[in-house]
Amino acid sequence: MAEKAKEKTNKEPFPGAYVVGLVITLALLITMVAFAAGLPPAISGFLVAGLLGLTVHPRYAIGFLSAGVFAAILGFAGSEPQVAWGGIGLILASLVVRLFVKG
């Protein structure tokens, strides 16, 4: 039993990497929401969803791409510019992550 515990490798690049990633993501979210609050809805939706979409692991980019398509369709159908342009931003961010980031 003790041998199995020793064989497990830590997948973190360094100790606490996931905590640092969480703090960076939350700081980015809070900063973007505070900044985007004064912008028009379409621009704020695009910026927040697009920039936070860049923090996605490439393994999950396809899921976020489909969520962006879903949000864009529903946003434009329901005349909700923040949701619609947020979906477009998420689509573009997911494509950038999928194409340029090695996972």
C-alpha atoms as a PDB file:
ATOM      1  CA  MET A   1       0.000   0.000   0.000  1.00  0.00           C
ATOM      2  CA  ALA A   2       2.820   2.396   0.852  1.00  0.00           C
ATOM      3  CA  GLU A   3       4.470   1.622  -2.489  1.00  0.00           C
ATOM      4  CA  LYS A   4       1.438   2.907  -4.385  1.00  0.00           C
ATOM      5  CA  ALA A   5       1.541   6.177  -2.478  1.00  0.00           C
ATOM      6  CA  LYS A   6       5.196   6.647  -3.380  1.00  0.00           C
ATOM      7  CA  GLU A   7       4.550   5.863  -7.055  1.00  0.00           C
ATOM      8  CA  LYS A   8       1.975   8.634  -7.443  1.00  0.00           C
ATOM      9  CA  THR A   9       3.453  11.659  -9.133  1.00  0.00           C
ATOM     10  CA  ASN A  10       2.264  15.163  -8.501  1.00  0.00           C
ATOM     11  CA  LYS A  11       0.957  16.711 -11.724  1.00  0.00           C
ATOM     12  CA  GLU A  12       1.422  20.262 -10.482  1.00  0.00           C
ATOM     13  CA  PRO A  13       4.329  22.088 -12.147  1.00  0.00           C
ATOM     14  CA  PHE A  14       5.325  23.343  -8.691  1.00  0.00           C
ATOM     15  CA  PRO A  15       3.762  23.002  -5.228  1.00  0.00           C
ATOM     16  CA  GLY A  16       0.716  25.229  -4.980  1.00  0.00           C
ATOM     17  CA  ALA A  17       0.430  25.857  -8.726  1.00  0.00           C
ATOM     18  CA  TYR A  18      -3.311  25.245  -8.752  1.00  0.00           C
ATOM     19  CA  VAL A  19      -3.850  27.675  -5.889  1.00  0.00           C
ATOM     20  CA  VAL A  20      -1.816  30.326  -7.716  1.00  0.00           C
ATOM     21  CA  GLY A  21      -3.872  29.672 -10.858  1.00  0.00           C
ATOM     22  CA  LEU A  22      -7.097  30.047  -8.888  1.00  0.00           C
ATOM     23  CA  VAL A  23      -5.953  33.344  -7.361  1.00  0.00           C
ATOM     24  CA  ILE A  24      -4.917  34.701 -10.771  1.00  0.00           C
ATOM     25  CA  THR A  25      -8.233  33.680 -12.335  1.00  0.00           C
ATOM     26  CA  LEU A  26     -10.302  35.197  -9.521  1.00  0.00           C
ATOM     27  CA  ALA A  27      -8.261  38.418  -9.602  1.00  0.00           C
ATOM     28  CA  LEU A  28      -8.763  38.622 -13.364  1.00  0.00           C
ATOM     29  CA  LEU A  29     -12.493  38.026 -12.968  1.00  0.00           C
ATOM     30  CA  ILE A  30     -12.930  40.685 -10.276  1.00  0.00           C
ATOM     31  CA  THR A  31     -10.817  43.208 -12.210  1.00  0.00           C
ATOM     32  CA  MET A  32     -12.670  42.601 -15.462  1.00  0.00           C
ATOM     33  CA  VAL A  33     -16.102  42.816 -13.854  1.00  0.00           C
ATOM     34  CA  ALA A  34     -15.155  46.075 -12.127  1.00  0.00           C
ATOM     35  CA  PHE A  35     -13.710  47.489 -15.345  1.00  0.00           C
ATOM     36  CA  ALA A  36     -16.509  46.273 -17.608  1.00  0.00           C
ATOM     37  CA  ALA A  37     -19.272  47.620 -15.364  1.00  0.00           C
ATOM     38  CA  GLY A  38     -18.856  51.043 -16.944  1.00  0.00           C
ATOM     39  CA  LEU A  39     -18.832  49.820 -20.545  1.00  0.00           C
ATOM     40  CA  PRO A  40     -21.735  49.154 -22.907  1.00  0.00           C
ATOM     41  CA  PRO A  41     -23.212  45.644 -22.488  1.00  0.00           C
ATOM     42  CA  ALA A  42     -21.910  44.192 -25.772  1.00  0.00           C
ATOM     43  CA  ILE A  43     -18.324  45.306 -25.147  1.00  0.00           C
ATOM     44  CA  SER A  44     -18.317  44.199 -21.516  1.00  0.00           C
ATOM     45  CA  GLY A  45     -19.726  40.768 -22.385  1.00  0.00           C
ATOM     46  CA  PHE A  46     -17.146  40.289 -25.105  1.00  0.00           C
ATOM     47  CA  LEU A  47     -14.213  41.375 -22.905  1.00  0.00           C
ATOM     48  CA  VAL A  48     -15.160  39.403 -19.802  1.00  0.00           C
ATOM     49  CA  ALA A  49     -16.019  36.157 -21.586  1.00  0.00           C
ATOM     50  CA  GLY A  50     -13.156  36.488 -24.059  1.00  0.00           C
ATOM     51  CA  LEU A  51     -10.409  37.182 -21.554  1.00  0.00           C
ATOM     52  CA  LEU A  52     -11.603  34.616 -19.049  1.00  0.00           C
ATOM     53  CA  GLY A  53     -11.959  32.120 -21.893  1.00  0.00           C
ATOM     54  CA  LEU A  54      -8.222  32.427 -22.453  1.00  0.00           C
ATOM     55  CA  THR A  55      -7.600  30.871 -19.030  1.00  0.00           C
ATOM     56  CA  VAL A  56      -9.219  27.563 -20.029  1.00  0.00           C
ATOM     57  CA  HIS A  57      -7.161  24.370 -20.225  1.00  0.00           C
ATOM     58  CA  PRO A  58      -6.936  23.195 -23.876  1.00  0.00           C
ATOM     59  CA  ARG A  59      -8.578  19.896 -22.916  1.00  0.00           C
ATOM     60  CA  TYR A  60     -11.808  21.770 -22.142  1.00  0.00           C
ATOM     61  CA  ALA A  61     -11.699  24.240 -25.043  1.00  0.00           C
ATOM     62  CA  ILE A  62     -14.242  22.276 -27.103  1.00  0.00           C
ATOM     63  CA  GLY A  63     -16.759  22.393 -24.257  1.00  0.00           C
ATOM     64  CA  PHE A  64     -16.294  26.134 -23.860  1.00  0.00           C
ATOM     65  CA  LEU A  65     -16.553  26.543 -27.625  1.00  0.00           C
ATOM     66  CA  SER A  66     -19.932  24.806 -27.634  1.00  0.00           C
ATOM     67  CA  ALA A  67     -21.043  26.916 -24.647  1.00  0.00           C
ATOM     68  CA  GLY A  68     -20.036  30.039 -26.566  1.00  0.00           C
ATOM     69  CA  VAL A  69     -22.032  28.962 -29.616  1.00  0.00           C
ATOM     70  CA  PHE A  70     -25.042  28.226 -27.408  1.00  0.00           C
ATOM     71  CA  ALA A  71     -24.730  31.614 -25.654  1.00  0.00           C
ATOM     72  CA  ALA A  72     -24.332  33.492 -28.936  1.00  0.00           C
ATOM     73  CA  ILE A  73     -27.380  31.835 -30.490  1.00  0.00           C
ATOM     74  CA  LEU A  74     -29.579  32.448 -27.458  1.00  0.00           C
ATOM     75  CA  GLY A  75     -28.215  35.960 -26.939  1.00  0.00           C
ATOM     76  CA  PHE A  76     -28.877  37.097 -30.491  1.00  0.00           C
ATOM     77  CA  ALA A  77     -32.253  35.325 -30.560  1.00  0.00           C
ATOM     78  CA  GLY A  78     -33.316  36.985 -27.317  1.00  0.00           C
ATOM     79  CA  SER A  79     -31.829  40.426 -28.116  1.00  0.00           C
ATOM     80  CA  GLU A  80     -29.392  40.215 -25.201  1.00  0.00           C
ATOM     81  CA  PRO A  81     -26.185  41.882 -26.453  1.00  0.00           C
ATOM     82  CA  GLN A  82     -24.097  41.068 -23.384  1.00  0.00           C
ATOM     83  CA  VAL A  83     -24.855  37.347 -23.662  1.00  0.00           C
ATOM     84  CA  ALA A  84     -24.555  37.313 -27.447  1.00  0.00           C
ATOM     85  CA  TRP A  85     -21.221  39.100 -27.657  1.00  0.00           C
ATOM     86  CA  GLY A  86     -19.980  37.216 -24.612  1.00  0.00           C
ATOM     87  CA  GLY A  87     -20.645  34.043 -26.568  1.00  0.00           C
ATOM     88  CA  ILE A  88     -18.686  35.398 -29.519  1.00  0.00           C
ATOM     89  CA  GLY A  89     -15.811  36.305 -27.209  1.00  0.00           C
ATOM     90  CA  LEU A  90     -15.879  32.820 -25.690  1.00  0.00           C
ATOM     91  CA  ILE A  91     -15.879  31.229 -29.147  1.00  0.00           C
ATOM     92  CA  LEU A  92     -12.842  33.259 -30.221  1.00  0.00           C
ATOM     93  CA  ALA A  93     -10.983  32.608 -26.962  1.00  0.00           C
ATOM     94  CA  SER A  94     -11.684  28.876 -27.210  1.00  0.00           C
ATOM     95  CA  LEU A  95     -10.390  28.811 -30.769  1.00  0.00           C
ATOM     96  CA  VAL A  96      -7.221  30.650 -29.745  1.00  0.00           C
ATOM     97  CA  VAL A  97      -6.632  28.233 -26.867  1.00  0.00           C
ATOM     98  CA  ARG A  98      -7.379  25.207 -29.042  1.00  0.00           C
ATOM     99  CA  LEU A  99      -5.106  26.329 -31.873  1.00  0.00           C
ATOM    100  CA  PHE A 100      -2.157  27.916 -30.091  1.00  0.00           C
ATOM    101  CA  VAL A 101      -1.839  26.362 -26.631  1.00  0.00           C
ATOM    102  CA  LYS A 102      -0.263  22.939 -26.292  1.00  0.00           C
ATOM    103  CA  GLY A 103      -2.001  20.884 -23.625  1.00  0.00           C
END
